[in-house]
Amino acid sequence: MERDGQLQLYGVLAARLKQAHLRVASAEVPDGTRRELSRRLLAVTAVAKHDLADAGRRLDVLTAELDDLGIPDR
């Protein structure tokens, strides 16, 4: 049962990461900003392999920053 819960959480996180990647890819921001956001997304993806909770927290922070930058949710 625990394994099923972990898989479900990973699926939710994967969908959120995919959405964040789409937002960054379509953002009208300077190249340096896009590179930094992409680097942070890759870091969250790497963390997700070992710690779903920490990856979720990091993604929450990054998503809030995307909102603050006015990058629309696609």
N, C-alpha and C. Protein backbone atom coordinates (compact mmCIF):
# COMPACT_ATOMS: atom_id res chain seq x y z
N MET A 1 0.82 -1.19 0.00
CA MET A 1 0.00 0.00 0.00
C MET A 1 0.86 1.26 0.00
N GLU A 2 1.90 1.26 0.82
CA GLU A 2 2.80 2.42 0.88
C GLU A 2 3.39 2.73 -0.49
N ARG A 3 3.77 1.71 -1.20
CA ARG A 3 4.38 1.87 -2.53
C ARG A 3 3.40 2.56 -3.48
N ASP A 4 2.12 2.17 -3.42
CA ASP A 4 1.11 2.78 -4.29
C ASP A 4 0.97 4.27 -3.99
N GLY A 5 1.02 4.63 -2.72
CA GLY A 5 0.94 6.04 -2.34
C GLY A 5 2.11 6.83 -2.86
N GLN A 6 3.30 6.24 -2.78
CA GLN A 6 4.50 6.90 -3.29
C GLN A 6 4.41 7.10 -4.80
N LEU A 7 3.92 6.09 -5.50
CA LEU A 7 3.79 6.21 -6.95
C LEU A 7 2.79 7.30 -7.33
N GLN A 8 1.70 7.38 -6.57
CA GLN A 8 0.71 8.42 -6.84
C GLN A 8 1.30 9.81 -6.59
N LEU A 9 2.03 9.96 -5.48
CA LEU A 9 2.67 11.25 -5.20
C LEU A 9 3.68 11.61 -6.28
N TYR A 10 4.45 10.63 -6.73
CA TYR A 10 5.42 10.89 -7.78
C TYR A 10 4.71 11.34 -9.06
N GLY A 11 3.58 10.72 -9.37
CA GLY A 11 2.81 11.11 -10.56
C GLY A 11 2.32 12.54 -10.47
N VAL A 12 1.84 12.93 -9.29
CA VAL A 12 1.38 14.31 -9.10
C VAL A 12 2.55 15.29 -9.25
N LEU A 13 3.67 14.95 -8.63
CA LEU A 13 4.84 15.83 -8.72
C LEU A 13 5.35 15.91 -10.16
N ALA A 14 5.35 14.78 -10.85
CA ALA A 14 5.80 14.77 -12.25
C ALA A 14 4.92 15.68 -13.12
N ALA A 15 3.62 15.64 -12.89
CA ALA A 15 2.71 16.49 -13.66
C ALA A 15 2.96 17.96 -13.35
N ARG A 16 3.21 18.28 -12.08
CA ARG A 16 3.51 19.67 -11.70
C ARG A 16 4.83 20.13 -12.31
N LEU A 17 5.83 19.25 -12.32
CA LEU A 17 7.12 19.60 -12.93
C LEU A 17 6.96 19.85 -14.43
N LYS A 18 6.19 19.01 -15.08
CA LYS A 18 5.95 19.18 -16.51
C LYS A 18 5.31 20.54 -16.78
N GLN A 19 4.32 20.90 -15.97
CA GLN A 19 3.65 22.19 -16.12
C GLN A 19 4.64 23.34 -15.90
N ALA A 20 5.48 23.22 -14.88
CA ALA A 20 6.47 24.27 -14.61
C ALA A 20 7.45 24.40 -15.78
N HIS A 21 7.87 23.28 -16.34
CA HIS A 21 8.79 23.33 -17.49
C HIS A 21 8.12 24.04 -18.67
N LEU A 22 6.85 23.76 -18.89
CA LEU A 22 6.13 24.45 -19.98
C LEU A 22 6.06 25.95 -19.73
N ARG A 23 5.82 26.32 -18.48
CA ARG A 23 5.75 27.75 -18.14
C ARG A 23 7.09 28.43 -18.41
N VAL A 24 8.17 27.80 -17.99
CA VAL A 24 9.50 28.40 -18.18
C VAL A 24 9.84 28.48 -19.66
N ALA A 25 9.54 27.43 -20.40
CA ALA A 25 9.86 27.40 -21.83
C ALA A 25 9.14 28.49 -22.61
N SER A 26 7.92 28.81 -22.18
CA SER A 26 7.14 29.80 -22.92
C SER A 26 7.26 31.21 -22.33
N ALA A 27 8.02 31.36 -21.26
CA ALA A 27 8.13 32.66 -20.59
C ALA A 27 8.88 33.67 -21.44
N GLU A 28 8.39 34.88 -21.41
CA GLU A 28 9.06 35.98 -22.10
C GLU A 28 9.93 36.71 -21.07
N VAL A 29 11.10 36.11 -20.81
CA VAL A 29 12.05 36.64 -19.82
C VAL A 29 13.43 36.65 -20.46
N PRO A 30 14.36 37.41 -19.90
CA PRO A 30 15.73 37.40 -20.43
C PRO A 30 16.33 35.99 -20.37
N ASP A 31 17.27 35.74 -21.26
CA ASP A 31 17.89 34.41 -21.34
C ASP A 31 18.50 33.97 -20.01
N GLY A 32 19.13 34.87 -19.32
CA GLY A 32 19.74 34.54 -18.04
C GLY A 32 18.71 34.07 -17.01
N THR A 33 17.57 34.72 -17.01
CA THR A 33 16.49 34.34 -16.11
C THR A 33 15.96 32.95 -16.47
N ARG A 34 15.78 32.71 -17.75
CA ARG A 34 15.30 31.41 -18.21
C ARG A 34 16.29 30.30 -17.84
N ARG A 35 17.57 30.58 -18.01
CA ARG A 35 18.60 29.57 -17.65
C ARG A 35 18.54 29.25 -16.16
N GLU A 36 18.42 30.28 -15.33
CA GLU A 36 18.36 30.08 -13.88
C GLU A 36 17.11 29.28 -13.49
N LEU A 37 15.97 29.63 -14.07
CA LEU A 37 14.74 28.89 -13.78
C LEU A 37 14.85 27.44 -14.24
N SER A 38 15.44 27.22 -15.40
CA SER A 38 15.63 25.86 -15.91
C SER A 38 16.57 25.07 -15.02
N ARG A 39 17.62 25.71 -14.55
CA ARG A 39 18.57 25.04 -13.66
C ARG A 39 17.86 24.61 -12.37
N ARG A 40 17.03 25.50 -11.84
CA ARG A 40 16.31 25.18 -10.60
C ARG A 40 15.31 24.06 -10.82
N LEU A 41 14.66 24.04 -11.97
CA LEU A 41 13.74 22.95 -12.27
C LEU A 41 14.46 21.61 -12.36
N LEU A 42 15.62 21.62 -12.96
CA LEU A 42 16.42 20.39 -13.04
C LEU A 42 16.84 19.93 -11.65
N ALA A 43 17.16 20.87 -10.78
CA ALA A 43 17.53 20.51 -9.41
C ALA A 43 16.35 19.89 -8.68
N VAL A 44 15.16 20.44 -8.86
CA VAL A 44 13.96 19.87 -8.24
C VAL A 44 13.72 18.46 -8.77
N THR A 45 13.89 18.28 -10.06
CA THR A 45 13.72 16.96 -10.67
C THR A 45 14.70 15.96 -10.06
N ALA A 46 15.93 16.37 -9.87
CA ALA A 46 16.93 15.49 -9.27
C ALA A 46 16.57 15.14 -7.83
N VAL A 47 16.10 16.11 -7.07
CA VAL A 47 15.71 15.88 -5.68
C VAL A 47 14.53 14.91 -5.62
N ALA A 48 13.62 15.00 -6.59
CA ALA A 48 12.43 14.15 -6.60
C ALA A 48 12.78 12.66 -6.64
N LYS A 49 13.93 12.33 -7.15
CA LYS A 49 14.36 10.93 -7.21
C LYS A 49 14.64 10.36 -5.84
N HIS A 50 14.88 11.24 -4.86
CA HIS A 50 15.29 10.78 -3.52
C HIS A 50 14.36 11.25 -2.41
N ASP A 51 13.68 12.37 -2.60
CA ASP A 51 12.88 12.96 -1.53
C ASP A 51 11.70 13.73 -2.12
N LEU A 52 10.56 13.05 -2.23
CA LEU A 52 9.39 13.67 -2.85
C LEU A 52 8.90 14.89 -2.08
N ALA A 53 8.94 14.82 -0.75
CA ALA A 53 8.45 15.94 0.06
C ALA A 53 9.30 17.19 -0.17
N ASP A 54 10.62 17.04 -0.14
CA ASP A 54 11.50 18.18 -0.36
C ASP A 54 11.33 18.72 -1.77
N ALA A 55 11.21 17.84 -2.74
CA ALA A 55 11.01 18.29 -4.12
C ALA A 55 9.70 19.07 -4.24
N GLY A 56 8.66 18.61 -3.56
CA GLY A 56 7.38 19.32 -3.58
C GLY A 56 7.50 20.71 -2.99
N ARG A 57 8.23 20.81 -1.87
CA ARG A 57 8.42 22.13 -1.24
C ARG A 57 9.20 23.05 -2.17
N ARG A 58 10.26 22.54 -2.76
CA ARG A 58 11.06 23.36 -3.68
C ARG A 58 10.24 23.81 -4.89
N LEU A 59 9.41 22.90 -5.38
CA LEU A 59 8.58 23.25 -6.53
C LEU A 59 7.54 24.29 -6.14
N ASP A 60 7.01 24.20 -4.92
CA ASP A 60 6.07 25.23 -4.44
C ASP A 60 6.72 26.61 -4.47
N VAL A 61 7.95 26.69 -4.00
CA VAL A 61 8.67 27.97 -3.98
C VAL A 61 8.90 28.47 -5.40
N LEU A 62 9.33 27.59 -6.27
CA LEU A 62 9.61 27.99 -7.65
C LEU A 62 8.32 28.40 -8.36
N THR A 63 7.23 27.69 -8.14
CA THR A 63 5.96 28.03 -8.75
C THR A 63 5.49 29.40 -8.28
N ALA A 64 5.67 29.69 -7.00
CA ALA A 64 5.30 31.02 -6.48
C ALA A 64 6.14 32.10 -7.15
N GLU A 65 7.41 31.81 -7.39
CA GLU A 65 8.26 32.78 -8.07
C GLU A 65 7.80 32.99 -9.51
N LEU A 66 7.42 31.93 -10.19
CA LEU A 66 6.89 32.06 -11.55
C LEU A 66 5.64 32.94 -11.55
N ASP A 67 4.80 32.73 -10.54
CA ASP A 67 3.60 33.57 -10.40
C ASP A 67 3.99 35.03 -10.19
N ASP A 68 4.97 35.27 -9.32
CA ASP A 68 5.42 36.65 -9.03
C ASP A 68 6.01 37.32 -10.27
N LEU A 69 6.67 36.52 -11.12
CA LEU A 69 7.25 37.06 -12.35
C LEU A 69 6.19 37.28 -13.42
N GLY A 70 4.97 36.86 -13.15
CA GLY A 70 3.88 37.03 -14.13
C GLY A 70 3.94 36.04 -15.26
N ILE A 71 4.60 34.91 -15.04
CA ILE A 71 4.66 33.87 -16.07
C ILE A 71 3.38 33.04 -16.00
N PRO A 72 2.57 33.10 -17.05
CA PRO A 72 1.26 32.45 -16.98
C PRO A 72 1.34 30.94 -16.92
N ASP A 73 0.33 30.37 -16.28
CA ASP A 73 0.18 28.92 -16.21
C ASP A 73 -0.43 28.46 -17.53
N ARG A 74 0.23 27.59 -18.22
CA ARG A 74 -0.24 27.14 -19.54
C ARG A 74 -1.07 25.89 -19.43
